[in-house]
């Protein structure tokens, strides 16, 4: 178990204490909610990137095959050096 020390303005600390927000259980729940919110933010960012990538033109199967062939050739050349 980790111990964390935080500095808060007196008024906020007193209000948080009265509201029961400074108990270990309450702080744990607040942190869990914050972590969940951060994860969701990252998910939505990734979804935005995917949506933006979907605006790119599709590659034909022939183009995909050519890209794979080029990549394999690069890997073989790199392995020889």
PDB file of N, CA and C in Angstrom:
ATOM      1  N   UNK A   1       0.856  -1.169   0.000  1.00  0.00           N
ATOM      2  CA  UNK A   1       0.000   0.000   0.000  1.00  0.00           C
ATOM      3  C   UNK A   1       0.901   1.231   0.000  1.00  0.00           C
ATOM      4  N   UNK A   2       0.567   2.193  -0.838  1.00  0.00           N
ATOM      5  CA  UNK A   2       1.355   3.418  -0.951  1.00  0.00           C
ATOM      6  C   UNK A   2       0.771   4.512  -0.068  1.00  0.00           C
ATOM      7  N   UNK A   3       1.653   5.370   0.417  1.00  0.00           N
ATOM      8  CA  UNK A   3       1.244   6.541   1.180  1.00  0.00           C
ATOM      9  C   UNK A   3       1.489   7.758   0.309  1.00  0.00           C
ATOM     10  N   UNK A   4       0.478   8.607   0.198  1.00  0.00           N
ATOM     11  CA  UNK A   4       0.582   9.801  -0.638  1.00  0.00           C
ATOM     12  C   UNK A   4       0.297  11.023   0.219  1.00  0.00           C
ATOM     13  N   UNK A   5       1.116  12.039   0.041  1.00  0.00           N
ATOM     14  CA  UNK A   5       0.921  13.296   0.750  1.00  0.00           C
ATOM     15  C   UNK A   5       0.558  14.353  -0.280  1.00  0.00           C
ATOM     16  N   UNK A   6      -0.527  15.082  -0.028  1.00  0.00           N
ATOM     17  CA  UNK A   6      -0.930  16.145  -0.942  1.00  0.00           C
ATOM     18  C   UNK A   6      -1.079  17.446  -0.174  1.00  0.00           C
ATOM     19  N   UNK A   7      -0.909  18.547  -0.896  1.00  0.00           N
ATOM     20  CA  UNK A   7      -1.104  19.861  -0.302  1.00  0.00           C
ATOM     21  C   UNK A   7      -2.339  20.481  -0.919  1.00  0.00           C
ATOM     22  N   UNK A   8      -3.237  20.949  -0.056  1.00  0.00           N
ATOM     23  CA  UNK A   8      -4.469  21.579  -0.494  1.00  0.00           C
ATOM     24  C   UNK A   8      -4.647  22.887   0.249  1.00  0.00           C
ATOM     25  N   UNK A   9      -5.337  23.832  -0.358  1.00  0.00           N
ATOM     26  CA  UNK A   9      -5.696  25.024   0.400  1.00  0.00           C
ATOM     27  C   UNK A   9      -6.553  24.611   1.606  1.00  0.00           C
ATOM     28  N   UNK A  10      -6.394  25.307   2.714  1.00  0.00           N
ATOM     29  CA  UNK A  10      -7.107  24.940   3.953  1.00  0.00           C
ATOM     30  C   UNK A  10      -8.603  24.804   3.745  1.00  0.00           C
ATOM     31  N   UNK A  11      -9.211  25.752   3.032  1.00  0.00           N
ATOM     32  CA  UNK A  11     -10.661  25.722   2.845  1.00  0.00           C
ATOM     33  C   UNK A  11     -11.101  24.470   2.101  1.00  0.00           C
ATOM     34  N   UNK A  12     -10.380  24.128   1.045  1.00  0.00           N
ATOM     35  CA  UNK A  12     -10.722  22.919   0.277  1.00  0.00           C
ATOM     36  C   UNK A  12     -10.540  21.680   1.136  1.00  0.00           C
ATOM     37  N   UNK A  13      -9.452  21.626   1.881  1.00  0.00           N
ATOM     38  CA  UNK A  13      -9.192  20.466   2.745  1.00  0.00           C
ATOM     39  C   UNK A  13     -10.306  20.308   3.775  1.00  0.00           C
ATOM     40  N   UNK A  14     -10.737  21.413   4.372  1.00  0.00           N
ATOM     41  CA  UNK A  14     -11.806  21.342   5.378  1.00  0.00           C
ATOM     42  C   UNK A  14     -13.123  20.906   4.753  1.00  0.00           C
ATOM     43  N   UNK A  15     -13.457  21.454   3.594  1.00  0.00           N
ATOM     44  CA  UNK A  15     -14.703  21.062   2.923  1.00  0.00           C
ATOM     45  C   UNK A  15     -14.662  19.602   2.498  1.00  0.00           C
ATOM     46  N   UNK A  16     -13.524  19.177   1.966  1.00  0.00           N
ATOM     47  CA  UNK A  16     -13.380  17.787   1.543  1.00  0.00           C
ATOM     48  C   UNK A  16     -13.483  16.845   2.740  1.00  0.00           C
ATOM     49  N   UNK A  17     -12.885  17.237   3.849  1.00  0.00           N
ATOM     50  CA  UNK A  17     -12.968  16.425   5.078  1.00  0.00           C
ATOM     51  C   UNK A  17     -14.416  16.308   5.540  1.00  0.00           C
ATOM     52  N   UNK A  18     -15.121  17.444   5.573  1.00  0.00           N
ATOM     53  CA  UNK A  18     -16.538  17.420   6.004  1.00  0.00           C
ATOM     54  C   UNK A  18     -17.390  16.565   5.058  1.00  0.00           C
ATOM     55  N   UNK A  19     -17.050  16.561   3.786  1.00  0.00           N
ATOM     56  CA  UNK A  19     -17.809  15.787   2.802  1.00  0.00           C
ATOM     57  C   UNK A  19     -17.398  14.315   2.783  1.00  0.00           C
ATOM     58  N   UNK A  20     -16.388  13.969   3.579  1.00  0.00           N
ATOM     59  CA  UNK A  20     -15.942  12.581   3.634  1.00  0.00           C
ATOM     60  C   UNK A  20     -15.090  12.163   2.449  1.00  0.00           C
ATOM     61  N   UNK A  21     -14.524  13.141   1.749  1.00  0.00           N
ATOM     62  CA  UNK A  21     -13.748  12.830   0.556  1.00  0.00           C
ATOM     63  C   UNK A  21     -12.285  12.517   0.827  1.00  0.00           C
ATOM     64  N   UNK A  22     -11.843  12.672   2.074  1.00  0.00           N
ATOM     65  CA  UNK A  22     -10.431  12.434   2.369  1.00  0.00           C
ATOM     66  C   UNK A  22     -10.164  11.077   3.003  1.00  0.00           C
ATOM     67  N   UNK A  23     -11.192  10.265   3.111  1.00  0.00           N
ATOM     68  CA  UNK A  23     -10.966   8.920   3.643  1.00  0.00           C
ATOM     69  C   UNK A  23     -10.245   8.103   2.580  1.00  0.00           C
ATOM     70  N   UNK A  24      -9.483   7.103   2.997  1.00  0.00           N
ATOM     71  CA  UNK A  24      -8.789   6.268   2.004  1.00  0.00           C
ATOM     72  C   UNK A  24      -9.742   5.666   0.966  1.00  0.00           C
ATOM     73  N   UNK A  25     -10.913   5.249   1.416  1.00  0.00           N
ATOM     74  CA  UNK A  25     -11.876   4.648   0.489  1.00  0.00           C
ATOM     75  C   UNK A  25     -12.385   5.675  -0.527  1.00  0.00           C
ATOM     76  N   UNK A  26     -12.704   6.879  -0.045  1.00  0.00           N
ATOM     77  CA  UNK A  26     -13.206   7.917  -0.942  1.00  0.00           C
ATOM     78  C   UNK A  26     -12.132   8.352  -1.930  1.00  0.00           C
ATOM     79  N   UNK A  27     -10.912   8.510  -1.441  1.00  0.00           N
ATOM     80  CA  UNK A  27      -9.821   8.902  -2.338  1.00  0.00           C
ATOM     81  C   UNK A  27      -9.558   7.820  -3.380  1.00  0.00           C
ATOM     82  N   UNK A  28      -9.617   6.557  -2.958  1.00  0.00           N
ATOM     83  CA  UNK A  28      -9.427   5.464  -3.905  1.00  0.00           C
ATOM     84  C   UNK A  28     -10.487   5.510  -4.998  1.00  0.00           C
ATOM     85  N   UNK A  29     -11.741   5.731  -4.608  1.00  0.00           N
ATOM     86  CA  UNK A  29     -12.825   5.801  -5.585  1.00  0.00           C
ATOM     87  C   UNK A  29     -12.644   6.985  -6.530  1.00  0.00           C
ATOM     88  N   UNK A  30     -12.253   8.137  -5.993  1.00  0.00           N
ATOM     89  CA  UNK A  30     -12.009   9.311  -6.834  1.00  0.00           C
ATOM     90  C   UNK A  30     -10.891   9.043  -7.834  1.00  0.00           C
ATOM     91  N   UNK A  31      -9.840   8.400  -7.383  1.00  0.00           N
ATOM     92  CA  UNK A  31      -8.722   8.082  -8.280  1.00  0.00           C
ATOM     93  C   UNK A  31      -9.135   7.058  -9.331  1.00  0.00           C
ATOM     94  N   UNK A  32      -9.903   6.066  -8.926  1.00  0.00           N
ATOM     95  CA  UNK A  32     -10.380   5.074  -9.898  1.00  0.00           C
ATOM     96  C   UNK A  32     -11.241   5.742 -10.968  1.00  0.00           C
ATOM     97  N   UNK A  33     -12.122   6.644 -10.551  1.00  0.00           N
ATOM     98  CA  UNK A  33     -12.965   7.361 -11.510  1.00  0.00           C
ATOM     99  C   UNK A  33     -12.111   8.208 -12.451  1.00  0.00           C
ATOM    100  N   UNK A  34     -11.091   8.860 -11.901  1.00  0.00           N
ATOM    101  CA  UNK A  34     -10.194   9.665 -12.722  1.00  0.00           C
ATOM    102  C   UNK A  34      -9.443   8.819 -13.735  1.00  0.00           C
ATOM    103  N   UNK A  35      -8.971   7.659 -13.306  1.00  0.00           N
ATOM    104  CA  UNK A  35      -8.261   6.754 -14.216  1.00  0.00           C
ATOM    105  C   UNK A  35      -9.187   6.246 -15.320  1.00  0.00           C
ATOM    106  N   UNK A  36     -10.425   5.934 -14.943  1.00  0.00           N
ATOM    107  CA  UNK A  36     -11.393   5.470 -15.929  1.00  0.00           C
ATOM    108  C   UNK A  36     -11.675   6.569 -16.954  1.00  0.00           C
ATOM    109  N   UNK A  37     -11.820   7.797 -16.467  1.00  0.00           N
ATOM    110  CA  UNK A  37     -12.086   8.933 -17.356  1.00  0.00           C
ATOM    111  C   UNK A  37     -10.909   9.137 -18.319  1.00  0.00           C
ATOM    112  N   UNK A  38      -9.679   9.015 -17.802  1.00  0.00           N
ATOM    113  CA  UNK A  38      -8.487   9.155 -18.657  1.00  0.00           C
ATOM    114  C   UNK A  38      -8.476   8.060 -19.725  1.00  0.00           C
ATOM    115  N   UNK A  39      -8.805   6.834 -19.333  1.00  0.00           N
ATOM    116  CA  UNK A  39      -8.837   5.733 -20.290  1.00  0.00           C
ATOM    117  C   UNK A  39      -9.878   5.990 -21.377  1.00  0.00           C
ATOM    118  N   UNK A  40     -11.039   6.489 -20.970  1.00  0.00           N
ATOM    119  CA  UNK A  40     -12.075   6.792 -21.956  1.00  0.00           C
ATOM    120  C   UNK A  40     -11.634   7.915 -22.883  1.00  0.00           C
ATOM    121  N   UNK A  41     -10.954   8.918 -22.333  1.00  0.00           N
ATOM    122  CA  UNK A  41     -10.438  10.002 -23.168  1.00  0.00           C
ATOM    123  C   UNK A  41      -9.485   9.453 -24.225  1.00  0.00           C
ATOM    124  N   UNK A  42      -8.595   8.546 -23.808  1.00  0.00           N
ATOM    125  CA  UNK A  42      -7.649   7.943 -24.755  1.00  0.00           C
ATOM    126  C   UNK A  42      -8.388   7.120 -25.810  1.00  0.00           C
ATOM    127  N   UNK A  43      -9.425   6.410 -25.383  1.00  0.00           N
ATOM    128  CA  UNK A  43     -10.207   5.617 -26.317  1.00  0.00           C
ATOM    129  C   UNK A  43     -10.850   6.515 -27.362  1.00  0.00           C
ATOM    130  N   UNK A  44     -11.456   7.620 -26.919  1.00  0.00           N
ATOM    131  CA  UNK A  44     -12.097   8.525 -27.862  1.00  0.00           C
ATOM    132  C   UNK A  44     -11.079   9.181 -28.792  1.00  0.00           C
ATOM    133  N   UNK A  45      -9.884   9.472 -28.288  1.00  0.00           N
ATOM    134  CA  UNK A  45      -8.826  10.011 -29.145  1.00  0.00           C
ATOM    135  C   UNK A  45      -8.458   8.997 -30.229  1.00  0.00           C
ATOM    136  N   UNK A  46      -8.335   7.737 -29.820  1.00  0.00           N
ATOM    137  CA  UNK A  46      -8.005   6.684 -30.788  1.00  0.00           C
ATOM    138  C   UNK A  46      -9.118   6.532 -31.817  1.00  0.00           C
ATOM    139  N   UNK A  47     -10.366   6.617 -31.358  1.00  0.00           N
ATOM    140  CA  UNK A  47     -11.493   6.513 -32.282  1.00  0.00           C
ATOM    141  C   UNK A  47     -11.491   7.670 -33.278  1.00  0.00           C
ATOM    142  N   UNK A  48     -11.145   8.853 -32.808  1.00  0.00           N
ATOM    143  CA  UNK A  48     -11.050  10.008 -33.706  1.00  0.00           C
ATOM    144  C   UNK A  48      -9.968   9.788 -34.758  1.00  0.00           C
ATOM    145  N   UNK A  49      -8.836   9.231 -34.329  1.00  0.00           N
ATOM    146  CA  UNK A  49      -7.758   8.956 -35.281  1.00  0.00           C
ATOM    147  C   UNK A  49      -8.187   7.911 -36.305  1.00  0.00           C
ATOM    148  N   UNK A  50      -8.893   6.893 -35.851  1.00  0.00           N
ATOM    149  CA  UNK A  50      -9.379   5.858 -36.765  1.00  0.00           C
ATOM    150  C   UNK A  50     -10.367   6.454 -37.759  1.00  0.00           C
ATOM    151  N   UNK A  51     -11.260   7.297 -37.259  1.00  0.00           N
ATOM    152  CA  UNK A  51     -12.236   7.928 -38.143  1.00  0.00           C
ATOM    153  C   UNK A  51     -11.528   8.798 -39.179  1.00  0.00           C
ATOM    154  N   UNK A  52     -10.484   9.507 -38.759  1.00  0.00           N
ATOM    155  CA  UNK A  52      -9.732  10.345 -39.694  1.00  0.00           C
ATOM    156  C   UNK A  52      -9.001   9.473 -40.707  1.00  0.00           C
ATOM    157  N   UNK A  53      -8.496   8.335 -40.256  1.00  0.00           N
ATOM    158  CA  UNK A  53      -7.778   7.436 -41.161  1.00  0.00           C
ATOM    159  C   UNK A  53      -8.732   6.819 -42.180  1.00  0.00           C
ATOM    160  N   UNK A  54      -9.983   6.673 -41.795  1.00  0.00           N
ATOM    161  CA  UNK A  54     -10.958   6.100 -42.720  1.00  0.00           C
ATOM    162  C   UNK A  54     -11.216   7.013 -43.906  1.00  0.00           C
ATOM    163  N   UNK A  55     -10.806   8.254 -43.815  1.00  0.00           N
ATOM    164  CA  UNK A  55     -10.973   9.180 -44.923  1.00  0.00           C
ATOM    165  C   UNK A  55      -9.918   8.946 -46.006  1.00  0.00           C
ATOM    166  N   UNK A  56      -8.903   8.156 -45.679  1.00  0.00           N
ATOM    167  CA  UNK A  56      -7.854   7.866 -46.648  1.00  0.00           C
ATOM    168  C   UNK A  56      -8.400   6.905 -47.704  1.00  0.00           C
ATOM    169  N   UNK A  57      -7.890   6.987 -48.924  1.00  0.00           N
ATOM    170  CA  UNK A  57      -8.372   6.067 -49.959  1.00  0.00           C
ATOM    171  C   UNK A  57      -7.982   4.625 -49.633  1.00  0.00           C
ATOM    172  N   UNK A  58      -8.841   3.715 -50.015  1.00  0.00           N
ATOM    173  CA  UNK A  58      -8.560   2.299 -49.783  1.00  0.00           C
ATOM    174  C   UNK A  58      -7.536   1.807 -50.788  1.00  0.00           C
ATOM    175  N   UNK A  59      -6.756   0.829 -50.341  1.00  0.00           N
ATOM    176  CA  UNK A  59      -5.785   0.204 -51.246  1.00  0.00           C
ATOM    177  C   UNK A  59      -6.447  -1.015 -51.874  1.00  0.00           C
ATOM    178  N   UNK A  60      -6.135  -1.221 -53.133  1.00  0.00           N
ATOM    179  CA  UNK A  60      -6.646  -2.411 -53.805  1.00  0.00           C
ATOM    180  C   UNK A  60      -5.876  -3.623 -53.288  1.00  0.00           C
ATOM    181  N   UNK A  61      -6.414  -4.814 -53.473  1.00  0.00           N
ATOM    182  CA  UNK A  61      -5.677  -6.011 -53.060  1.00  0.00           C
ATOM    183  C   UNK A  61      -4.303  -6.105 -53.723  1.00  0.00           C
ATOM    184  N   UNK A  62      -4.224  -5.635 -54.950  1.00  0.00           N
ATOM    185  CA  UNK A  62      -2.936  -5.662 -55.648  1.00  0.00           C
ATOM    186  C   UNK A  62      -1.933  -4.721 -54.971  1.00  0.00           C
ATOM    187  N   UNK A  63      -2.414  -3.543 -54.559  1.00  0.00           N
ATOM    188  CA  UNK A  63      -1.538  -2.581 -53.878  1.00  0.00           C
ATOM    189  C   UNK A  63      -1.066  -3.131 -52.537  1.00  0.00           C
ATOM    190  N   UNK A  64      -1.968  -3.785 -51.818  1.00  0.00           N
ATOM    191  CA  UNK A  64      -1.605  -4.395 -50.537  1.00  0.00           C
ATOM    192  C   UNK A  64      -0.547  -5.465 -50.761  1.00  0.00           C
ATOM    193  N   UNK A  65      -0.749  -6.316 -51.766  1.00  0.00           N
ATOM    194  CA  UNK A  65       0.211  -7.382 -52.070  1.00  0.00           C
ATOM    195  C   UNK A  65       1.571  -6.788 -52.419  1.00  0.00           C
ATOM    196  N   UNK A  66       1.592  -5.697 -53.183  1.00  0.00           N
ATOM    197  CA  UNK A  66       2.846  -5.055 -53.557  1.00  0.00           C
ATOM    198  C   UNK A  66       3.551  -4.477 -52.334  1.00  0.00           C
ATOM    199  N   UNK A  67       2.794  -3.856 -51.427  1.00  0.00           N
ATOM    200  CA  UNK A  67       3.379  -3.317 -50.192  1.00  0.00           C
ATOM    201  C   UNK A  67       3.986  -4.425 -49.351  1.00  0.00           C
ATOM    202  N   UNK A  68       3.287  -5.553 -49.266  1.00  0.00           N
ATOM    203  CA  UNK A  68       3.807  -6.698 -48.502  1.00  0.00           C
ATOM    204  C   UNK A  68       5.090  -7.210 -49.138  1.00  0.00           C
ATOM    205  N   UNK A  69       5.103  -7.299 -50.465  1.00  0.00           N
ATOM    206  CA  UNK A  69       6.288  -7.774 -51.165  1.00  0.00           C
ATOM    207  C   UNK A  69       7.473  -6.832 -50.899  1.00  0.00           C
ATOM    208  N   UNK A  70       7.248  -5.530 -50.950  1.00  0.00           N
ATOM    209  CA  UNK A  70       8.308  -4.561 -50.684  1.00  0.00           C
ATOM    210  C   UNK A  70       8.820  -4.660 -49.247  1.00  0.00           C
ATOM    211  N   UNK A  71       7.892  -4.801 -48.302  1.00  0.00           N
ATOM    212  CA  UNK A  71       8.277  -4.908 -46.900  1.00  0.00           C
ATOM    213  C   UNK A  71       9.131  -6.155 -46.665  1.00  0.00           C
ATOM    214  N   UNK A  72       8.722  -7.265 -47.260  1.00  0.00           N
ATOM    215  CA  UNK A  72       9.489  -8.506 -47.100  1.00  0.00           C
ATOM    216  C   UNK A  72      10.876  -8.372 -47.712  1.00  0.00           C
ATOM    217  N   UNK A  73      10.954  -7.713 -48.860  1.00  0.00           N
ATOM    218  CA  UNK A  73      12.259  -7.504 -49.499  1.00  0.00           C
ATOM    219  C   UNK A  73      13.152  -6.638 -48.616  1.00  0.00           C
ATOM    220  N   UNK A  74      12.587  -5.613 -48.002  1.00  0.00           N
ATOM    221  CA  UNK A  74      13.361  -4.754 -47.096  1.00  0.00           C
ATOM    222  C   UNK A  74      13.861  -5.544 -45.891  1.00  0.00           C
ATOM    223  N   UNK A  75      13.004  -6.410 -45.349  1.00  0.00           N
ATOM    224  CA  UNK A  75      13.414  -7.222 -44.198  1.00  0.00           C
ATOM    225  C   UNK A  75      14.529  -8.190 -44.574  1.00  0.00           C
ATOM    226  N   UNK A  76      14.414  -8.804 -45.762  1.00  0.00           N
ATOM    227  CA  UNK A  76      15.479  -9.725 -46.202  1.00  0.00           C
ATOM    228  C   UNK A  76      16.783  -8.980 -46.405  1.00  0.00           C
ATOM    229  N   UNK A  77      16.706  -7.788 -46.986  1.00  0.00           N
ATOM    230  CA  UNK A  77      17.915  -6.999 -47.217  1.00  0.00           C
ATOM    231  C   UNK A  77      18.546  -6.572 -45.889  1.00  0.00           C
ATOM    232  N   UNK A  78      17.713  -6.202 -44.930  1.00  0.00           N
ATOM    233  CA  UNK A  78      18.219  -5.799 -43.619  1.00  0.00           C
ATOM    234  C   UNK A  78      18.843  -6.975 -42.877  1.00  0.00           C
ATOM    235  N   UNK A  79      18.290  -8.166 -43.067  1.00  0.00           N
ATOM    236  CA  UNK A  79      18.803  -9.356 -42.396  1.00  0.00           C
ATOM    237  C   UNK A  79      20.173  -9.762 -42.941  1.00  0.00           C
ATOM    238  N   UNK A  80      20.426  -9.432 -44.198  1.00  0.00           N
ATOM    239  CA  UNK A  80      21.711  -9.788 -44.817  1.00  0.00           C
ATOM    240  C   UNK A  80      22.844  -8.879 -44.342  1.00  0.00           C
ATOM    241  N   UNK A  81      22.511  -7.694 -43.852  1.00  0.00           N
ATOM    242  CA  UNK A  81      23.568  -6.756 -43.438  1.00  0.00           C
ATOM    243  C   UNK A  81      23.886  -6.890 -41.981  1.00  0.00           C
TER     244      UNK A  81
END
